[in-house]
Protein backbone atom coordinates (compact mmCIF):
# COMPACT_ATOMS: atom_id res chain seq x y z
CA MET A 1 89.64 98.47 77.15
CA LEU A 2 92.61 96.85 78.82
CA PHE A 3 93.59 93.18 78.59
CA ILE A 4 96.19 92.02 81.11
CA ASP A 5 97.81 88.65 81.72
CA ALA A 6 101.12 87.00 82.54
CA ILE A 7 102.99 84.11 80.98
CA VAL A 8 105.72 82.05 82.63
CA VAL A 9 109.18 81.58 81.13
CA LYS A 10 112.11 79.51 82.40
CA VAL A 11 115.23 81.52 83.22
CA ARG A 12 118.61 80.04 84.20
CA ASP A 13 119.74 82.15 87.16
CA GLY A 14 122.14 79.83 88.95
CA GLN A 15 119.39 77.27 88.50
CA VAL A 16 116.46 77.12 86.10
CA ARG A 17 113.38 78.74 87.65
CA ASN A 18 110.05 80.11 86.53
CA LYS A 19 109.68 83.85 86.03
CA PRO A 20 106.43 85.65 85.12
CA ILE A 21 106.39 88.10 82.23
CA TYR A 22 103.50 90.57 82.53
CA VAL A 23 101.70 91.72 79.38
CA ALA A 24 99.17 94.52 78.84
CA ILE A 25 97.18 95.31 75.68
CA GLY A 26 95.13 98.48 75.32
CA VAL A 27 92.31 99.15 72.87
CA THR A 28 91.72 102.84 72.11
CA VAL A 29 88.44 104.55 71.18
CA ASN A 30 89.65 104.39 67.56
CA GLY A 31 89.86 100.61 67.75
CA GLU A 32 93.65 100.56 67.71
CA ARG A 33 95.28 97.76 69.68
CA ASP A 34 98.60 98.51 71.32
CA ILE A 35 100.85 96.26 73.36
CA LEU A 36 101.60 98.65 76.20
CA GLY A 37 104.53 96.78 77.63
CA LEU A 38 106.31 93.66 78.82
CA TRP A 39 107.53 93.49 82.42
CA ALA A 40 109.62 90.77 84.09
CA GLY A 41 108.56 89.94 87.64
CA ASP A 42 109.94 87.75 90.41
CA GLY A 43 108.33 84.65 91.87
CA ASN A 44 104.68 83.97 91.11
CA GLU A 45 102.27 86.37 89.42
CA GLY A 46 101.07 88.87 92.04
CA ALA A 47 98.51 91.66 92.36
CA LYS A 48 101.07 93.91 94.08
CA PHE A 49 103.34 93.88 91.04
CA TRP A 50 100.31 94.47 88.79
CA LEU A 51 99.52 97.58 90.86
CA GLN A 52 102.96 98.97 90.02
CA ILE A 53 102.44 98.25 86.33
CA LEU A 54 98.96 99.79 86.21
CA THR A 55 100.18 102.89 88.04
CA GLU A 56 102.97 103.21 85.48
CA LEU A 57 100.43 102.96 82.63
CA LYS A 58 98.30 105.70 84.19
CA ASN A 59 101.36 107.92 84.60
CA ARG A 60 102.19 107.30 80.93
CA GLY A 61 98.81 108.67 79.87
CA VAL A 62 96.16 105.92 80.19
CA ALA A 63 93.69 108.29 81.84
CA ASP A 64 90.64 106.01 81.92
CA VAL A 65 89.76 102.36 81.30
CA CYS A 66 86.13 101.37 80.77
CA ILE A 67 86.66 97.61 81.05
CA ALA A 68 89.70 95.68 82.27
CA VAL A 69 89.75 92.00 81.31
CA CYS A 70 91.89 89.76 83.50
CA ASP A 71 92.13 86.30 85.04
CA GLY A 72 90.98 85.40 88.54
CA LEU A 73 94.16 86.43 90.38
CA LYS A 74 93.35 87.28 93.99
CA GLY A 75 93.58 91.01 94.72
CA LEU A 76 93.82 92.04 91.07
CA PRO A 77 90.35 93.68 90.86
CA ASP A 78 91.23 95.83 93.89
CA ALA A 79 94.54 96.81 92.27
CA ILE A 80 92.75 97.85 89.07
CA ASN A 81 90.15 99.92 90.91
CA THR A 82 92.84 101.57 93.00
CA VAL A 83 94.30 103.02 89.80
CA TRP A 84 91.06 103.61 87.85
CA GLU A 85 88.14 103.88 90.25
CA LEU A 86 85.37 103.62 87.62
CA THR A 87 86.79 100.66 85.73
CA THR A 88 84.59 97.57 85.41
CA VAL A 89 86.68 94.47 86.10
CA GLN A 90 85.69 91.59 83.87
CA ALA A 91 86.86 88.01 84.36
CA CYS A 92 88.27 86.63 81.14
CA ILE A 93 85.70 84.12 79.88
CA ILE A 94 88.31 82.16 77.97
CA HIS A 95 90.45 81.83 81.11
CA LEU A 96 87.43 80.61 83.06
CA ILE A 97 86.59 77.97 80.48
CA ARG A 98 90.19 76.83 80.14
CA ASN A 99 90.61 76.58 83.91
CA THR A 100 87.38 74.59 84.05
CA PHE A 101 88.92 71.90 81.85
CA ARG A 102 91.90 71.60 84.22
CA TYR A 103 89.64 69.94 86.80
CA ALA A 104 87.87 67.52 84.47
CA SER A 105 88.79 64.35 82.64
CA ARG A 106 89.58 65.07 78.99
CA LYS A 107 86.87 62.70 77.77
CA TYR A 108 84.23 65.03 79.28
CA TRP A 109 85.58 68.30 77.89
CA ASP A 110 83.18 68.45 74.96
CA GLN A 111 80.16 67.80 77.19
CA ILE A 112 81.27 70.37 79.76
CA ALA A 113 81.89 72.99 77.07
CA ARG A 114 78.44 72.33 75.63
CA ASP A 115 76.77 72.60 79.05
CA LEU A 116 78.68 75.79 79.96
CA ARG A 117 77.78 77.65 76.78
CA PRO A 118 74.21 78.55 77.94
CA VAL A 119 75.76 80.14 81.06
CA TYR A 120 78.03 82.67 79.32
CA THR A 121 75.66 83.30 76.40
CA ALA A 122 72.67 84.02 78.67
CA ALA A 123 70.77 87.26 78.06
CA THR A 124 70.58 88.18 81.77
CA GLU A 125 72.25 87.32 85.07
CA ALA A 126 69.08 85.57 86.29
CA GLU A 127 69.11 83.33 83.23
CA ALA A 128 72.83 82.67 83.68
CA ARG A 129 72.25 81.66 87.32
CA ALA A 130 69.50 79.27 86.27
CA ARG A 131 71.70 77.68 83.61
CA PHE A 132 74.64 77.46 86.01
CA SER A 133 72.42 75.77 88.61
CA GLU A 134 71.59 73.14 86.00
CA PHE A 135 75.29 72.79 85.18
CA ALA A 136 76.18 72.41 88.88
CA ASP A 137 73.50 69.77 89.39
CA LYS A 138 75.07 67.70 86.61
CA TRP A 139 78.80 68.29 87.19
CA GLY A 140 79.05 69.52 90.78
CA ARG A 141 79.26 66.08 92.37
CA PRO A 142 82.02 64.55 90.18
CA TYR A 143 83.91 67.87 89.85
CA PRO A 144 83.15 70.16 92.83
CA ALA A 145 86.23 72.31 92.08
CA ILE A 146 84.61 73.46 88.82
CA THR A 147 81.52 74.69 90.64
CA LYS A 148 83.69 76.50 93.20
CA LEU A 149 85.79 78.07 90.44
CA TRP A 150 82.76 79.68 88.80
CA GLN A 151 81.18 80.69 92.11
CA ASN A 152 84.39 82.47 93.18
CA ALA A 153 84.62 84.28 89.84
CA TRP A 154 80.92 85.09 89.58
CA SER A 155 81.13 88.75 90.68
CA GLU A 156 83.76 89.43 87.97
CA PHE A 157 81.92 87.28 85.41
CA VAL A 158 78.45 88.85 85.59
CA PRO A 159 79.33 92.34 84.22
CA PHE A 160 79.79 90.58 80.87
CA LEU A 161 76.06 89.78 80.83
CA ASP A 162 74.99 93.44 80.93
CA TYR A 163 76.86 94.37 77.77
CA ASP A 164 75.65 94.71 74.22
CA VAL A 165 76.51 91.75 72.00
CA GLU A 166 79.14 93.84 70.19
CA ILE A 167 81.02 94.47 73.44
CA ARG A 168 80.74 90.78 74.33
CA LYS A 169 82.43 89.94 71.03
CA ILE A 170 85.35 92.20 71.84
CA ILE A 171 85.76 90.68 75.31
CA CYS A 172 85.33 87.04 74.38
CA SER A 173 85.40 86.10 70.71
CA THR A 174 88.23 88.44 69.75
CA ASN A 175 90.21 88.23 72.98
CA ALA A 176 93.39 89.89 71.81
CA ILE A 177 95.67 88.78 74.61
CA GLU A 178 94.86 85.08 74.21
CA SER A 179 96.05 85.19 70.61
CA LEU A 180 99.17 87.10 71.62
CA ASN A 181 99.99 84.71 74.46
CA ALA A 182 99.66 81.73 72.14
CA ARG A 183 102.39 83.22 69.94
CA TYR A 184 104.54 84.01 72.97
CA ARG A 185 104.22 80.48 74.35
CA ARG A 186 105.17 79.01 70.99
CA ALA A 187 108.32 81.15 70.84
CA VAL A 188 109.25 80.30 74.44
CA ARG A 189 108.62 76.57 73.99
CA VAL A 190 111.01 76.39 71.02
CA ARG A 191 113.85 77.86 73.10
CA GLY A 192 113.27 75.90 76.29
CA HIS A 193 114.84 78.28 78.80
CA PHE A 194 116.76 81.56 78.70
CA PRO A 195 120.13 82.57 80.21
CA ASN A 196 118.59 85.68 81.85
CA GLU A 197 115.40 87.75 81.89
CA GLN A 198 116.76 90.21 79.32
CA ALA A 199 117.04 87.37 76.80
CA ALA A 200 113.45 86.31 77.54
CA LEU A 201 112.16 89.87 77.11
CA LYS A 202 114.09 90.28 73.86
CA CYS A 203 112.56 87.06 72.49
CA LEU A 204 109.03 88.23 73.34
CA TYR A 205 109.73 91.71 71.97
CA LEU A 206 110.90 90.30 68.63
CA THR A 207 107.85 88.02 68.54
CA THR A 208 105.68 91.11 69.10
CA ARG A 209 107.38 92.96 66.23
CA SER A 210 106.68 90.05 63.86
CA LEU A 211 102.95 89.77 64.57
CA ASP A 212 101.57 92.13 61.92
CA PRO A 213 104.38 93.36 59.65
CA THR A 214 102.03 94.50 56.85
CA GLY A 215 99.49 96.26 59.07
CA LYS A 216 96.58 94.43 57.40
CA GLY A 217 95.48 92.77 60.65
CA LYS A 218 95.26 96.15 62.35
CA ALA A 219 93.13 97.50 59.50
CA ARG A 220 90.72 94.53 59.70
CA TRP A 221 90.30 95.01 63.45
CA ALA A 222 89.54 98.75 63.07
CA THR A 223 86.86 97.96 60.47
CA ARG A 224 85.07 95.59 62.88
CA TRP A 225 85.39 98.08 65.74
CA LYS A 226 82.63 100.55 64.77
CA PRO A 227 79.63 98.55 66.09
CA ALA A 228 81.47 98.01 69.38
CA LEU A 229 82.34 101.72 69.63
CA ASN A 230 78.65 102.61 69.32
CA ALA A 231 77.83 100.14 72.11
CA PHE A 232 80.61 101.56 74.30
CA ALA A 233 79.39 105.13 73.74
CA VAL A 234 75.92 104.17 75.01
CA THR A 235 77.07 101.93 77.88
CA PHE A 236 79.76 104.31 79.13
CA GLU A 237 78.06 107.59 78.30
CA GLY A 238 80.21 110.62 79.07
CA ARG A 239 83.46 108.65 79.24
CA ILE A 240 84.05 108.07 75.51
CA PRO A 241 85.68 111.09 73.83
CA THR A 242 83.67 112.35 70.84
CA ARG A 243 86.70 113.75 69.06
């Protein structure tokens, strides 16, 4: 699996401006999570720059990716499939939910979260569509942007519904990159802005090095990985190395 995302840092380059830092996390067949790199980009997050990064990862030895989890950036699914043709592109459920709240008044967040849960926990796509229709009937009029958000992301959301529950847990409940980004944002927020992009990258690198100094977190993850590995071996038969 591959989790990819970008965070924004403030860099003082003549004037203070936003700069995206691209992050990629890989999960191997042994359940090992590796942060594959940090890349500083220019301007806004873009699929073209992601294509360069993904091509670099393939050249470094990432021969195949079963599932790539990403946000709804336009053109990103095409960039992923250009590098790995067989990869299933999955919209990050947590990103979808978080972006949903951006369009709604805070006092309704709990209700919206409760009404969305039957959509992403549905057993089938047909059931998910039925539950989303009910959600749209209730929330579509006051917040039409929410309905449009989910409709636009639907083709990248629905692969999630075909997976075994163990794979769903890996994609959603234990979304590795969300936890990592939370630590990155905390480190960036404390410092405000950076004198240059090298300083920003160094800060994030040192934050990365401090995440699991004892290795116990890595061991716990590997223990929980076995049920998911069995589900992957069945779902992606012939693509999971047996040794």
